[in-house]
Amino acid sequence: MKLRLLYLCFLFCLSSCAGYHYNTNNNPLISYDIKSIAVPMFINRSVFPQISAPMTREIVLALNDYSGLVVYSGESDKADAILLGIIESKDHYTDAVKTTQTLFTDEELQKSIGSRQPFYFPIQSTYSLWVRFILIKKPSKQELELFSGDMGKMVKAHPRVVLMDQIDLTNSFSRVASSNSGVNAGGEVNFVKNKAIFDKSLQDTCLQAAQSFKQVILNAF
């Protein structure tokens, strides 16, 4: 009976340990003697002109979750390291954004296009981009210029580089295609609604990048 009780206690301990996780909120860069980090505005080389600011903001917020790590938003000589972020996509919008669903402009929408022949209007699209992250400890101006430029892709190792990684991102968004047959028709605000929908999608993509970045940090350190 006692043996069976000990066995059950042993199983209970194992099951308890299975759900245990180390605290990942402490500064993961402390082993590299990095107690502060500066995050300049991310360099945007993608076809999405409005993504740099929200992407930078979400990464800064993600780093702020770590206790013991001081995060400077923007360039700072006080920081132990600088995190460069470079946002990239395919060169042409039509290659970076792919239509996945269309709507034929017949019936009610025919009134909105007047005498034009009916055509297929894209109502759902998928887009892709990627972000390169380079964490450099006390870089010189020349080193920042090197890694920020096109030649930075060629550098595979550097004594000051603590982390070099890339996160691939994919998301989708739907467009509104309301009729524009009158002054009070929903189509009058199609553009405004669609811009808001796309901006929200980009914001979600930035949040996705921040979550993936924290996982990269967790795995790397």
N, C-alpha and C. Protein backbone atom coordinates (compact mmCIF):
# COMPACT_ATOMS: atom_id res chain seq x y z
N MET A 1 0.83 -1.19 0.00
CA MET A 1 0.00 0.00 0.00
C MET A 1 0.88 1.26 0.00
N LYS A 2 1.92 1.25 0.87
CA LYS A 2 2.82 2.39 0.93
C LYS A 2 3.56 2.57 -0.38
N LEU A 3 3.94 1.44 -1.00
CA LEU A 3 4.65 1.50 -2.27
C LEU A 3 3.78 2.12 -3.35
N ARG A 4 2.51 1.73 -3.34
CA ARG A 4 1.58 2.27 -4.32
C ARG A 4 1.39 3.78 -4.11
N LEU A 5 1.34 4.22 -2.84
CA LEU A 5 1.17 5.63 -2.52
C LEU A 5 2.38 6.44 -2.98
N LEU A 6 3.57 5.88 -2.77
CA LEU A 6 4.78 6.56 -3.22
C LEU A 6 4.81 6.69 -4.74
N TYR A 7 4.35 5.65 -5.40
CA TYR A 7 4.31 5.66 -6.87
C TYR A 7 3.37 6.74 -7.39
N LEU A 8 2.20 6.87 -6.73
CA LEU A 8 1.24 7.90 -7.13
C LEU A 8 1.81 9.30 -6.90
N CYS A 9 2.52 9.48 -5.78
CA CYS A 9 3.14 10.77 -5.49
C CYS A 9 4.19 11.11 -6.55
N PHE A 10 4.93 10.07 -6.98
CA PHE A 10 5.95 10.25 -8.00
C PHE A 10 5.32 10.70 -9.32
N LEU A 11 4.20 10.06 -9.69
CA LEU A 11 3.50 10.45 -10.92
C LEU A 11 2.96 11.87 -10.82
N PHE A 12 2.47 12.23 -9.65
CA PHE A 12 1.94 13.58 -9.44
C PHE A 12 3.04 14.63 -9.63
N CYS A 13 4.22 14.34 -9.10
CA CYS A 13 5.35 15.27 -9.25
C CYS A 13 5.75 15.44 -10.70
N LEU A 14 5.74 14.32 -11.45
CA LEU A 14 6.09 14.39 -12.86
C LEU A 14 5.10 15.24 -13.63
N SER A 15 3.81 15.02 -13.36
CA SER A 15 2.78 15.78 -14.06
C SER A 15 2.85 17.26 -13.72
N SER A 16 3.24 17.58 -12.47
CA SER A 16 3.37 18.97 -12.07
C SER A 16 4.54 19.63 -12.78
N CYS A 17 5.64 18.92 -12.89
CA CYS A 17 6.82 19.47 -13.54
C CYS A 17 6.60 19.66 -15.03
N ALA A 18 5.72 18.84 -15.63
CA ALA A 18 5.49 18.91 -17.07
C ALA A 18 4.91 20.26 -17.46
N GLY A 19 4.17 20.89 -16.55
CA GLY A 19 3.58 22.18 -16.87
C GLY A 19 4.40 23.35 -16.38
N TYR A 20 5.59 23.09 -15.88
CA TYR A 20 6.43 24.16 -15.35
C TYR A 20 7.26 24.78 -16.46
N HIS A 21 7.34 26.11 -16.45
CA HIS A 21 8.13 26.83 -17.44
C HIS A 21 9.02 27.83 -16.71
N TYR A 22 10.22 27.98 -17.21
CA TYR A 22 11.09 28.99 -16.63
C TYR A 22 10.55 30.37 -16.96
N ASN A 23 10.83 31.30 -16.10
CA ASN A 23 10.41 32.68 -16.30
C ASN A 23 11.18 33.27 -17.48
N THR A 24 10.47 33.62 -18.55
CA THR A 24 11.12 34.15 -19.75
C THR A 24 11.03 35.66 -19.81
N ASN A 25 10.59 36.31 -18.73
CA ASN A 25 10.44 37.76 -18.73
C ASN A 25 11.70 38.49 -18.29
N ASN A 26 12.71 37.75 -17.83
CA ASN A 26 13.96 38.39 -17.45
C ASN A 26 14.78 38.70 -18.70
N ASN A 27 15.66 39.64 -18.59
CA ASN A 27 16.50 40.07 -19.70
C ASN A 27 17.24 38.89 -20.31
N PRO A 28 16.90 38.49 -21.55
CA PRO A 28 17.56 37.33 -22.15
C PRO A 28 18.96 37.64 -22.69
N LEU A 29 19.33 38.92 -22.71
CA LEU A 29 20.61 39.32 -23.29
C LEU A 29 21.69 39.57 -22.24
N ILE A 30 21.36 39.30 -20.98
CA ILE A 30 22.27 39.62 -19.90
C ILE A 30 23.57 38.83 -20.00
N SER A 31 23.51 37.63 -20.58
CA SER A 31 24.72 36.82 -20.71
C SER A 31 25.72 37.45 -21.68
N TYR A 32 25.24 38.37 -22.53
CA TYR A 32 26.12 39.10 -23.44
C TYR A 32 26.45 40.48 -22.88
N ASP A 33 26.16 40.67 -21.60
CA ASP A 33 26.41 41.94 -20.92
C ASP A 33 25.66 43.09 -21.60
N ILE A 34 24.47 42.79 -22.06
CA ILE A 34 23.62 43.82 -22.68
C ILE A 34 22.47 44.12 -21.71
N LYS A 35 22.54 45.29 -21.13
CA LYS A 35 21.51 45.72 -20.19
C LYS A 35 20.62 46.82 -20.77
N SER A 36 21.02 47.34 -21.91
CA SER A 36 20.22 48.37 -22.58
C SER A 36 20.35 48.20 -24.09
N ILE A 37 19.30 48.56 -24.78
CA ILE A 37 19.25 48.35 -26.23
C ILE A 37 18.52 49.52 -26.88
N ALA A 38 19.04 49.98 -28.00
CA ALA A 38 18.42 51.06 -28.75
C ALA A 38 17.78 50.47 -30.01
N VAL A 39 16.59 50.96 -30.34
CA VAL A 39 15.87 50.47 -31.52
C VAL A 39 15.54 51.67 -32.43
N PRO A 40 16.38 51.95 -33.42
CA PRO A 40 16.06 53.02 -34.36
C PRO A 40 14.85 52.64 -35.22
N MET A 41 14.27 53.63 -35.89
CA MET A 41 13.16 53.35 -36.80
C MET A 41 13.60 52.32 -37.83
N PHE A 42 12.79 51.29 -38.01
CA PHE A 42 13.15 50.23 -38.95
C PHE A 42 13.26 50.77 -40.37
N ILE A 43 14.23 50.24 -41.08
CA ILE A 43 14.43 50.61 -42.48
C ILE A 43 13.39 49.87 -43.32
N ASN A 44 12.69 50.59 -44.14
CA ASN A 44 11.61 49.99 -44.94
C ASN A 44 12.01 49.92 -46.41
N ARG A 45 12.24 48.71 -46.89
CA ARG A 45 12.53 48.49 -48.30
C ARG A 45 11.43 47.64 -48.95
N SER A 46 10.26 47.68 -48.35
CA SER A 46 9.14 46.90 -48.87
C SER A 46 8.25 47.80 -49.72
N VAL A 47 7.21 47.22 -50.29
CA VAL A 47 6.25 47.98 -51.10
C VAL A 47 5.11 48.53 -50.24
N PHE A 48 5.25 48.42 -48.90
CA PHE A 48 4.22 48.90 -47.99
C PHE A 48 4.76 50.12 -47.24
N PRO A 49 4.49 51.31 -47.73
CA PRO A 49 5.14 52.52 -47.21
C PRO A 49 4.79 52.86 -45.78
N GLN A 50 3.66 52.39 -45.26
CA GLN A 50 3.22 52.80 -43.94
C GLN A 50 3.54 51.80 -42.83
N ILE A 51 4.42 50.85 -43.09
CA ILE A 51 4.61 49.76 -42.11
C ILE A 51 5.77 49.99 -41.15
N SER A 52 6.68 50.88 -41.46
CA SER A 52 7.89 51.02 -40.65
C SER A 52 7.59 51.45 -39.21
N ALA A 53 6.76 52.47 -39.03
CA ALA A 53 6.48 52.99 -37.68
C ALA A 53 5.78 51.96 -36.79
N PRO A 54 4.68 51.32 -37.24
CA PRO A 54 4.04 50.34 -36.37
C PRO A 54 4.91 49.11 -36.11
N MET A 55 5.73 48.72 -37.08
CA MET A 55 6.61 47.57 -36.85
C MET A 55 7.64 47.90 -35.77
N THR A 56 8.24 49.07 -35.85
CA THR A 56 9.22 49.49 -34.84
C THR A 56 8.57 49.57 -33.47
N ARG A 57 7.38 50.15 -33.42
CA ARG A 57 6.68 50.31 -32.13
C ARG A 57 6.39 48.97 -31.47
N GLU A 58 5.92 47.99 -32.24
CA GLU A 58 5.58 46.69 -31.67
C GLU A 58 6.81 45.94 -31.17
N ILE A 59 7.93 46.08 -31.87
CA ILE A 59 9.16 45.43 -31.43
C ILE A 59 9.67 46.08 -30.14
N VAL A 60 9.57 47.41 -30.05
CA VAL A 60 9.97 48.12 -28.83
C VAL A 60 9.10 47.66 -27.66
N LEU A 61 7.80 47.55 -27.88
CA LEU A 61 6.90 47.09 -26.82
C LEU A 61 7.23 45.67 -26.39
N ALA A 62 7.59 44.82 -27.36
CA ALA A 62 7.96 43.44 -27.03
C ALA A 62 9.21 43.39 -26.16
N LEU A 63 10.19 44.23 -26.48
CA LEU A 63 11.43 44.26 -25.69
C LEU A 63 11.19 44.85 -24.30
N ASN A 64 10.22 45.74 -24.21
CA ASN A 64 9.91 46.36 -22.91
C ASN A 64 9.32 45.35 -21.92
N ASP A 65 8.90 44.20 -22.41
CA ASP A 65 8.35 43.17 -21.52
C ASP A 65 9.43 42.53 -20.65
N TYR A 66 10.70 42.67 -21.05
CA TYR A 66 11.78 42.03 -20.32
C TYR A 66 12.27 42.94 -19.20
N SER A 67 12.20 42.44 -17.98
CA SER A 67 12.71 43.19 -16.85
C SER A 67 14.24 43.15 -16.88
N GLY A 68 14.85 44.24 -16.46
CA GLY A 68 16.31 44.30 -16.46
C GLY A 68 16.89 44.72 -17.79
N LEU A 69 16.05 45.05 -18.75
CA LEU A 69 16.52 45.51 -20.05
C LEU A 69 15.94 46.89 -20.32
N VAL A 70 16.80 47.88 -20.44
CA VAL A 70 16.38 49.25 -20.75
C VAL A 70 16.31 49.39 -22.26
N VAL A 71 15.18 49.88 -22.75
CA VAL A 71 14.97 49.99 -24.20
C VAL A 71 14.84 51.47 -24.57
N TYR A 72 15.71 51.91 -25.49
CA TYR A 72 15.64 53.27 -26.01
C TYR A 72 14.96 53.23 -27.38
N SER A 73 13.91 54.01 -27.53
CA SER A 73 13.24 54.11 -28.83
C SER A 73 13.96 55.16 -29.66
N GLY A 74 14.66 54.71 -30.69
CA GLY A 74 15.49 55.62 -31.49
C GLY A 74 16.96 55.36 -31.19
N GLU A 75 17.83 56.10 -31.83
CA GLU A 75 19.26 55.93 -31.65
C GLU A 75 19.69 56.51 -30.31
N SER A 76 20.65 55.85 -29.67
CA SER A 76 21.16 56.31 -28.38
C SER A 76 22.58 55.80 -28.17
N ASP A 77 23.46 56.71 -27.79
CA ASP A 77 24.84 56.34 -27.51
C ASP A 77 24.96 55.64 -26.16
N LYS A 78 23.92 55.73 -25.34
CA LYS A 78 23.95 55.13 -24.01
C LYS A 78 23.74 53.62 -24.05
N ALA A 79 23.15 53.11 -25.12
CA ALA A 79 22.76 51.70 -25.18
C ALA A 79 23.98 50.79 -25.36
N ASP A 80 23.87 49.59 -24.79
CA ASP A 80 24.93 48.58 -24.95
C ASP A 80 24.90 47.95 -26.34
N ALA A 81 23.73 47.97 -26.97
CA ALA A 81 23.58 47.35 -28.29
C ALA A 81 22.49 48.08 -29.07
N ILE A 82 22.52 47.90 -30.38
CA ILE A 82 21.51 48.49 -31.27
C ILE A 82 20.86 47.37 -32.05
N LEU A 83 19.53 47.42 -32.12
CA LEU A 83 18.78 46.45 -32.92
C LEU A 83 18.36 47.12 -34.22
N LEU A 84 18.91 46.63 -35.32
CA LEU A 84 18.51 47.10 -36.64
C LEU A 84 17.39 46.21 -37.16
N GLY A 85 16.38 46.82 -37.73
CA GLY A 85 15.31 46.08 -38.37
C GLY A 85 15.17 46.54 -39.81
N ILE A 86 15.16 45.62 -40.73
CA ILE A 86 15.06 45.95 -42.15
C ILE A 86 13.87 45.18 -42.72
N ILE A 87 12.85 45.93 -43.15
CA ILE A 87 11.62 45.34 -43.69
C ILE A 87 11.76 45.26 -45.21
N GLU A 88 11.50 44.08 -45.75
CA GLU A 88 11.66 43.88 -47.19
C GLU A 88 10.49 43.08 -47.75
N SER A 89 10.31 43.19 -49.04
CA SER A 89 9.31 42.40 -49.76
C SER A 89 9.80 42.23 -51.19
N LYS A 90 9.03 41.57 -51.99
CA LYS A 90 9.35 41.52 -53.41
C LYS A 90 9.25 42.94 -53.98
N ASP A 91 9.96 43.17 -55.07
CA ASP A 91 10.14 44.54 -55.56
C ASP A 91 8.86 45.18 -56.08
N HIS A 92 7.96 44.40 -56.64
CA HIS A 92 6.76 44.95 -57.25
C HIS A 92 5.52 44.58 -56.44
N TYR A 93 4.59 45.53 -56.34
CA TYR A 93 3.39 45.34 -55.53
C TYR A 93 2.61 44.10 -55.99
N THR A 94 2.53 43.91 -57.30
CA THR A 94 1.77 42.77 -57.82
C THR A 94 2.42 41.43 -57.48
N ASP A 95 3.71 41.45 -57.15
CA ASP A 95 4.38 40.21 -56.73
C ASP A 95 4.26 40.00 -55.22
N ALA A 96 4.19 41.11 -54.47
CA ALA A 96 4.09 41.01 -53.02
C ALA A 96 2.66 40.77 -52.55
N VAL A 97 1.69 41.24 -53.34
CA VAL A 97 0.27 41.11 -52.99
C VAL A 97 -0.43 40.29 -54.07
N LYS A 98 -1.00 39.17 -53.68
CA LYS A 98 -1.66 38.27 -54.61
C LYS A 98 -3.16 38.21 -54.35
N THR A 99 -3.94 38.33 -55.42
CA THR A 99 -5.40 38.24 -55.29
C THR A 99 -5.80 36.79 -55.12
N THR A 100 -6.63 36.52 -54.11
CA THR A 100 -7.08 35.16 -53.84
C THR A 100 -8.57 34.97 -54.07
N GLN A 101 -9.32 36.09 -54.20
CA GLN A 101 -10.75 35.99 -54.46
C GLN A 101 -11.21 37.25 -55.19
N THR A 102 -12.10 37.06 -56.18
CA THR A 102 -12.59 38.19 -56.97
C THR A 102 -14.11 38.21 -56.97
N LEU A 103 -14.64 39.36 -57.38
CA LEU A 103 -16.09 39.54 -57.50
C LEU A 103 -16.38 40.12 -58.87
N PHE A 104 -17.31 39.51 -59.59
CA PHE A 104 -17.66 39.99 -60.93
C PHE A 104 -18.63 41.15 -60.80
N THR A 105 -18.35 42.24 -61.49
CA THR A 105 -19.15 43.47 -61.35
C THR A 105 -20.40 43.44 -62.22
N ASP A 106 -21.26 42.49 -61.95
CA ASP A 106 -22.53 42.44 -62.67
C ASP A 106 -23.66 42.79 -61.71
N GLU A 107 -24.87 42.69 -62.13
CA GLU A 107 -26.06 42.96 -61.32
C GLU A 107 -25.97 44.34 -60.67
N GLU A 108 -26.04 44.42 -59.33
CA GLU A 108 -26.09 45.70 -58.64
C GLU A 108 -24.83 46.54 -58.87
N LEU A 109 -23.68 45.88 -58.93
CA LEU A 109 -22.43 46.62 -59.12
C LEU A 109 -22.29 47.17 -60.54
N GLN A 110 -23.08 46.65 -61.47
CA GLN A 110 -23.03 47.14 -62.84
C GLN A 110 -23.37 48.63 -62.91
N LYS A 111 -24.27 49.05 -62.04
CA LYS A 111 -24.67 50.46 -62.02
C LYS A 111 -23.51 51.36 -61.59
N SER A 112 -22.60 50.81 -60.84
CA SER A 112 -21.49 51.61 -60.33
C SER A 112 -20.41 51.86 -61.37
N ILE A 113 -20.33 51.01 -62.39
CA ILE A 113 -19.26 51.15 -63.38
C ILE A 113 -19.75 51.78 -64.67
N GLY A 114 -21.02 52.15 -64.71
CA GLY A 114 -21.56 52.84 -65.87
C GLY A 114 -21.53 52.00 -67.13
N SER A 115 -20.97 52.56 -68.19
CA SER A 115 -20.97 51.89 -69.50
C SER A 115 -19.79 50.94 -69.67
N ARG A 116 -18.96 50.82 -68.68
CA ARG A 116 -17.81 49.92 -68.79
C ARG A 116 -18.27 48.47 -68.82
N GLN A 117 -17.47 47.64 -69.45
CA GLN A 117 -17.75 46.21 -69.47
C GLN A 117 -17.51 45.63 -68.07
N PRO A 118 -18.34 44.67 -67.65
CA PRO A 118 -18.12 44.04 -66.34
C PRO A 118 -16.71 43.44 -66.24
N PHE A 119 -16.16 43.45 -65.04
CA PHE A 119 -14.81 42.92 -64.83
C PHE A 119 -14.74 42.29 -63.44
N TYR A 120 -13.67 41.58 -63.20
CA TYR A 120 -13.47 40.93 -61.91
C TYR A 120 -12.73 41.89 -60.97
N PHE A 121 -13.35 42.15 -59.83
CA PHE A 121 -12.80 43.07 -58.84
C PHE A 121 -12.21 42.25 -57.70
N PRO A 122 -10.94 42.49 -57.32
CA PRO A 122 -10.32 41.72 -56.22
C PRO A 122 -10.93 42.08 -54.88
N ILE A 123 -11.46 41.10 -54.16
CA ILE A 123 -12.06 41.38 -52.85
C ILE A 123 -11.28 40.72 -51.71
N GLN A 124 -10.34 39.88 -52.05
CA GLN A 124 -9.49 39.30 -51.00
C GLN A 124 -8.09 39.09 -51.55
N SER A 125 -7.09 39.48 -50.76
CA SER A 125 -5.70 39.36 -51.19
C SER A 125 -4.83 38.86 -50.05
N THR A 126 -3.74 38.24 -50.43
CA THR A 126 -2.73 37.78 -49.47
C THR A 126 -1.42 38.48 -49.80
N TYR A 127 -0.72 38.93 -48.78
CA TYR A 127 0.55 39.61 -49.01
C TYR A 127 1.63 39.00 -48.14
N SER A 128 2.86 39.19 -48.56
CA SER A 128 3.99 38.63 -47.82
C SER A 128 5.14 39.63 -47.78
N LEU A 129 5.88 39.57 -46.71
CA LEU A 129 7.07 40.39 -46.51
C LEU A 129 7.94 39.70 -45.49
N TRP A 130 9.10 40.25 -45.22
CA TRP A 130 9.96 39.67 -44.21
C TRP A 130 10.75 40.79 -43.52
N VAL A 131 11.20 40.48 -42.31
CA VAL A 131 11.97 41.45 -41.52
C VAL A 131 13.29 40.81 -41.13
N ARG A 132 14.37 41.50 -41.42
CA ARG A 132 15.70 41.04 -40.97
C ARG A 132 16.07 41.79 -39.70
N PHE A 133 16.48 41.05 -38.69
CA PHE A 133 16.88 41.62 -37.41
C PHE A 133 18.38 41.43 -37.22
N ILE A 134 19.06 42.52 -36.85
CA ILE A 134 20.49 42.46 -36.60
C ILE A 134 20.76 43.18 -35.28
N LEU A 135 21.21 42.44 -34.29
CA LEU A 135 21.53 43.01 -32.98
C LEU A 135 23.04 43.14 -32.88
N ILE A 136 23.51 44.38 -32.79
CA ILE A 136 24.95 44.65 -32.81
C ILE A 136 25.35 45.31 -31.49
N LYS A 137 26.38 44.78 -30.88
CA LYS A 137 26.86 45.33 -29.62
C LYS A 137 27.84 46.47 -29.88
N LYS A 138 27.50 47.66 -29.38
CA LYS A 138 28.33 48.86 -29.50
C LYS A 138 28.91 49.03 -30.91
N PRO A 139 28.05 49.13 -31.92
CA PRO A 139 28.56 49.24 -33.29
C PRO A 139 29.14 50.63 -33.58
N SER A 140 30.09 50.67 -34.49
CA SER A 140 30.59 51.94 -34.98
C SER A 140 29.65 52.46 -36.07
N LYS A 141 29.84 53.70 -36.46
CA LYS A 141 29.01 54.28 -37.52
C LYS A 141 29.19 53.51 -38.82
N GLN A 142 30.43 53.11 -39.10
CA GLN A 142 30.72 52.36 -40.33
C GLN A 142 30.04 50.99 -40.32
N GLU A 143 30.02 50.35 -39.15
CA GLU A 143 29.37 49.04 -39.04
C GLU A 143 27.86 49.16 -39.23
N LEU A 144 27.27 50.21 -38.69
CA LEU A 144 25.83 50.43 -38.89
C LEU A 144 25.51 50.65 -40.35
N GLU A 145 26.35 51.42 -41.02
CA GLU A 145 26.15 51.67 -42.45
C GLU A 145 26.30 50.37 -43.25
N LEU A 146 27.24 49.53 -42.85
CA LEU A 146 27.45 48.26 -43.54
C LEU A 146 26.22 47.38 -43.43
N PHE A 147 25.73 47.18 -42.21
CA PHE A 147 24.61 46.26 -42.01
C PHE A 147 23.28 46.84 -42.49
N SER A 148 23.19 48.16 -42.56
CA SER A 148 21.96 48.78 -43.05
C SER A 148 21.88 48.77 -44.57
N GLY A 149 23.02 48.65 -45.23
CA GLY A 149 23.06 48.68 -46.68
C GLY A 149 22.85 47.32 -47.31
N ASP A 150 22.94 47.30 -48.63
CA ASP A 150 22.74 46.06 -49.37
C ASP A 150 23.82 45.03 -49.06
N MET A 151 25.02 45.49 -48.73
CA MET A 151 26.11 44.55 -48.44
C MET A 151 25.89 43.82 -47.12
N GLY A 152 25.00 44.33 -46.30
CA GLY A 152 24.74 43.69 -45.01
C GLY A 152 24.25 42.26 -45.14
N LYS A 153 23.57 41.97 -46.25
CA LYS A 153 23.07 40.62 -46.48
C LYS A 153 24.20 39.61 -46.66
N MET A 154 25.35 40.12 -47.11
CA MET A 154 26.47 39.23 -47.42
C MET A 154 27.25 38.84 -46.16
N VAL A 155 27.10 39.62 -45.09
CA VAL A 155 27.87 39.35 -43.87
C VAL A 155 27.18 38.24 -43.09
N LYS A 156 27.84 37.13 -42.92
CA LYS A 156 27.27 35.98 -42.22
C LYS A 156 27.69 35.91 -40.76
N ALA A 157 28.80 36.54 -40.44
CA ALA A 157 29.29 36.53 -39.05
C ALA A 157 30.10 37.79 -38.81
N HIS A 158 30.02 38.27 -37.58
CA HIS A 158 30.76 39.49 -37.22
C HIS A 158 30.96 39.45 -35.70
N PRO A 159 32.14 39.85 -35.23
CA PRO A 159 32.40 39.74 -33.78
C PRO A 159 31.46 40.57 -32.91
N ARG A 160 30.87 41.64 -33.45
CA ARG A 160 29.97 42.47 -32.65
C ARG A 160 28.50 42.05 -32.77
N VAL A 161 28.19 41.19 -33.71
CA VAL A 161 26.81 40.79 -33.95
C VAL A 161 26.41 39.69 -32.97
N VAL A 162 25.38 39.96 -32.19
CA VAL A 162 24.87 39.01 -31.22
C VAL A 162 23.75 38.16 -31.81
N LEU A 163 22.96 38.76 -32.67
CA LEU A 163 21.82 38.05 -33.28
C LEU A 163 21.63 38.53 -34.70
N MET A 164 21.42 37.59 -35.59
CA MET A 164 21.08 37.91 -36.98
C MET A 164 20.04 36.88 -37.43
N ASP A 165 18.83 37.35 -37.68
CA ASP A 165 17.75 36.42 -38.02
C ASP A 165 16.75 37.11 -38.94
N GLN A 166 15.89 36.30 -39.53
CA GLN A 166 14.86 36.82 -40.43
C GLN A 166 13.52 36.17 -40.10
N ILE A 167 12.47 36.98 -40.10
CA ILE A 167 11.12 36.49 -39.85
C ILE A 167 10.29 36.72 -41.10
N ASP A 168 9.71 35.66 -41.63
CA ASP A 168 8.83 35.76 -42.79
C ASP A 168 7.39 35.95 -42.32
N LEU A 169 6.69 36.88 -42.95
CA LEU A 169 5.34 37.23 -42.53
C LEU A 169 4.38 37.15 -43.70
N THR A 170 3.21 36.60 -43.44
CA THR A 170 2.14 36.51 -44.44
C THR A 170 0.82 36.84 -43.77
N ASN A 171 -0.01 37.61 -44.47
CA ASN A 171 -1.32 37.95 -43.94
C ASN A 171 -2.27 38.18 -45.12
N SER A 172 -3.53 38.33 -44.83
CA SER A 172 -4.52 38.56 -45.88
C SER A 172 -5.51 39.62 -45.41
N PHE A 173 -6.22 40.20 -46.36
CA PHE A 173 -7.24 41.19 -46.04
C PHE A 173 -8.33 41.14 -47.11
N SER A 174 -9.52 41.56 -46.71
CA SER A 174 -10.68 41.57 -47.61
C SER A 174 -11.07 43.00 -47.92
N ARG A 175 -11.53 43.23 -49.14
CA ARG A 175 -11.96 44.56 -49.56
C ARG A 175 -13.48 44.66 -49.56
N VAL A 176 -13.96 45.87 -49.34
CA VAL A 176 -15.38 46.16 -49.44
C VAL A 176 -15.69 46.54 -50.88
N ALA A 177 -16.78 46.02 -51.41
CA ALA A 177 -17.17 46.34 -52.79
C ALA A 177 -18.66 46.65 -52.83
N SER A 178 -19.04 47.75 -52.16
CA SER A 178 -20.44 48.15 -52.13
C SER A 178 -20.79 48.94 -53.38
N SER A 179 -22.07 48.96 -53.70
CA SER A 179 -22.54 49.68 -54.88
C SER A 179 -22.33 51.18 -54.73
N ASN A 180 -22.07 51.82 -55.85
CA ASN A 180 -21.87 53.27 -55.87
C ASN A 180 -22.91 53.91 -56.80
N SER A 181 -24.13 53.44 -56.68
CA SER A 181 -25.19 53.86 -57.62
C SER A 181 -25.87 55.15 -57.22
N GLY A 182 -25.59 55.69 -56.03
CA GLY A 182 -26.23 56.92 -55.59
C GLY A 182 -25.42 57.62 -54.53
N VAL A 183 -25.81 58.85 -54.17
CA VAL A 183 -25.02 59.63 -53.22
C VAL A 183 -25.00 59.01 -51.83
N ASN A 184 -26.03 58.25 -51.51
CA ASN A 184 -26.10 57.61 -50.20
C ASN A 184 -25.71 56.13 -50.22
N ALA A 185 -25.21 55.68 -51.35
CA ALA A 185 -24.84 54.27 -51.48
C ALA A 185 -23.54 53.99 -50.72
N GLY A 186 -23.39 52.74 -50.31
CA GLY A 186 -22.21 52.36 -49.53
C GLY A 186 -20.90 52.53 -50.28
N GLY A 187 -20.97 52.47 -51.61
CA GLY A 187 -19.75 52.58 -52.40
C GLY A 187 -19.05 53.91 -52.31
N GLU A 188 -19.74 54.93 -51.79
CA GLU A 188 -19.13 56.25 -51.63
C GLU A 188 -17.93 56.22 -50.69
N VAL A 189 -17.92 55.28 -49.78
CA VAL A 189 -16.82 55.20 -48.81
C VAL A 189 -16.03 53.91 -48.96
N ASN A 190 -16.09 53.28 -50.11
CA ASN A 190 -15.31 52.06 -50.34
C ASN A 190 -13.83 52.27 -50.07
N PHE A 191 -13.29 53.36 -50.63
CA PHE A 191 -11.85 53.61 -50.51
C PHE A 191 -11.44 53.78 -49.05
N VAL A 192 -12.21 54.59 -48.32
CA VAL A 192 -11.89 54.86 -46.91
C VAL A 192 -11.95 53.56 -46.09
N LYS A 193 -13.00 52.77 -46.32
CA LYS A 193 -13.14 51.52 -45.59
C LYS A 193 -12.01 50.56 -45.92
N ASN A 194 -11.68 50.46 -47.20
CA ASN A 194 -10.65 49.52 -47.62
C ASN A 194 -9.28 49.92 -47.09
N LYS A 195 -9.01 51.22 -47.03
CA LYS A 195 -7.74 51.68 -46.46
C LYS A 195 -7.66 51.31 -44.97
N ALA A 196 -8.78 51.51 -44.25
CA ALA A 196 -8.80 51.16 -42.82
C ALA A 196 -8.61 49.66 -42.62
N ILE A 197 -9.23 48.86 -43.49
CA ILE A 197 -9.09 47.40 -43.40
C ILE A 197 -7.64 46.99 -43.63
N PHE A 198 -7.00 47.58 -44.63
CA PHE A 198 -5.61 47.23 -44.93
C PHE A 198 -4.67 47.69 -43.82
N ASP A 199 -4.90 48.89 -43.30
CA ASP A 199 -4.07 49.40 -42.20
C ASP A 199 -4.19 48.48 -40.97
N LYS A 200 -5.40 48.02 -40.70
CA LYS A 200 -5.61 47.10 -39.57
C LYS A 200 -4.87 45.78 -39.82
N SER A 201 -4.87 45.32 -41.05
CA SER A 201 -4.17 44.09 -41.39
C SER A 201 -2.67 44.25 -41.19
N LEU A 202 -2.13 45.40 -41.59
CA LEU A 202 -0.70 45.65 -41.39
C LEU A 202 -0.36 45.70 -39.91
N GLN A 203 -1.24 46.30 -39.11
CA GLN A 203 -1.03 46.34 -37.67
C GLN A 203 -0.99 44.93 -37.08
N ASP A 204 -1.91 44.08 -37.53
CA ASP A 204 -1.92 42.69 -37.07
C ASP A 204 -0.63 41.97 -37.47
N THR A 205 -0.11 42.30 -38.66
CA THR A 205 1.14 41.70 -39.12
C THR A 205 2.30 42.14 -38.24
N CYS A 206 2.29 43.39 -37.81
CA CYS A 206 3.34 43.89 -36.92
C CYS A 206 3.27 43.19 -35.56
N LEU A 207 2.07 42.96 -35.07
CA LEU A 207 1.91 42.21 -33.82
C LEU A 207 2.43 40.79 -33.97
N GLN A 208 2.13 40.19 -35.12
CA GLN A 208 2.62 38.84 -35.41
C GLN A 208 4.15 38.82 -35.43
N ALA A 209 4.74 39.86 -36.02
CA ALA A 209 6.20 39.95 -36.07
C ALA A 209 6.79 40.06 -34.67
N ALA A 210 6.16 40.85 -33.81
CA ALA A 210 6.65 41.03 -32.44
C ALA A 210 6.61 39.72 -31.66
N GLN A 211 5.53 38.96 -31.82
CA GLN A 211 5.41 37.67 -31.14
C GLN A 211 6.46 36.69 -31.65
N SER A 212 6.67 36.69 -32.97
CA SER A 212 7.68 35.80 -33.55
C SER A 212 9.08 36.21 -33.11
N PHE A 213 9.30 37.51 -32.99
CA PHE A 213 10.61 38.01 -32.55
C PHE A 213 10.92 37.56 -31.13
N LYS A 214 9.93 37.61 -30.25
CA LYS A 214 10.14 37.15 -28.88
C LYS A 214 10.47 35.66 -28.85
N GLN A 215 9.89 34.90 -29.77
CA GLN A 215 10.20 33.48 -29.85
C GLN A 215 11.63 33.26 -30.35
N VAL A 216 12.05 34.11 -31.30
CA VAL A 216 13.42 34.05 -31.78
C VAL A 216 14.41 34.33 -30.65
N ILE A 217 14.09 35.36 -29.86
CA ILE A 217 14.95 35.70 -28.71
C ILE A 217 15.00 34.55 -27.72
N LEU A 218 13.84 33.94 -27.46
CA LEU A 218 13.76 32.83 -26.51
C LEU A 218 14.61 31.66 -26.98
N ASN A 219 14.54 31.35 -28.28
CA ASN A 219 15.29 30.22 -28.82
C ASN A 219 16.79 30.50 -28.91
N ALA A 220 17.13 31.76 -29.18
CA ALA A 220 18.53 32.11 -29.40
C ALA A 220 19.30 32.22 -28.08
N PHE A 221 18.60 32.65 -27.02
CA PHE A 221 19.31 32.91 -25.78
C PHE A 221 18.78 32.09 -24.62
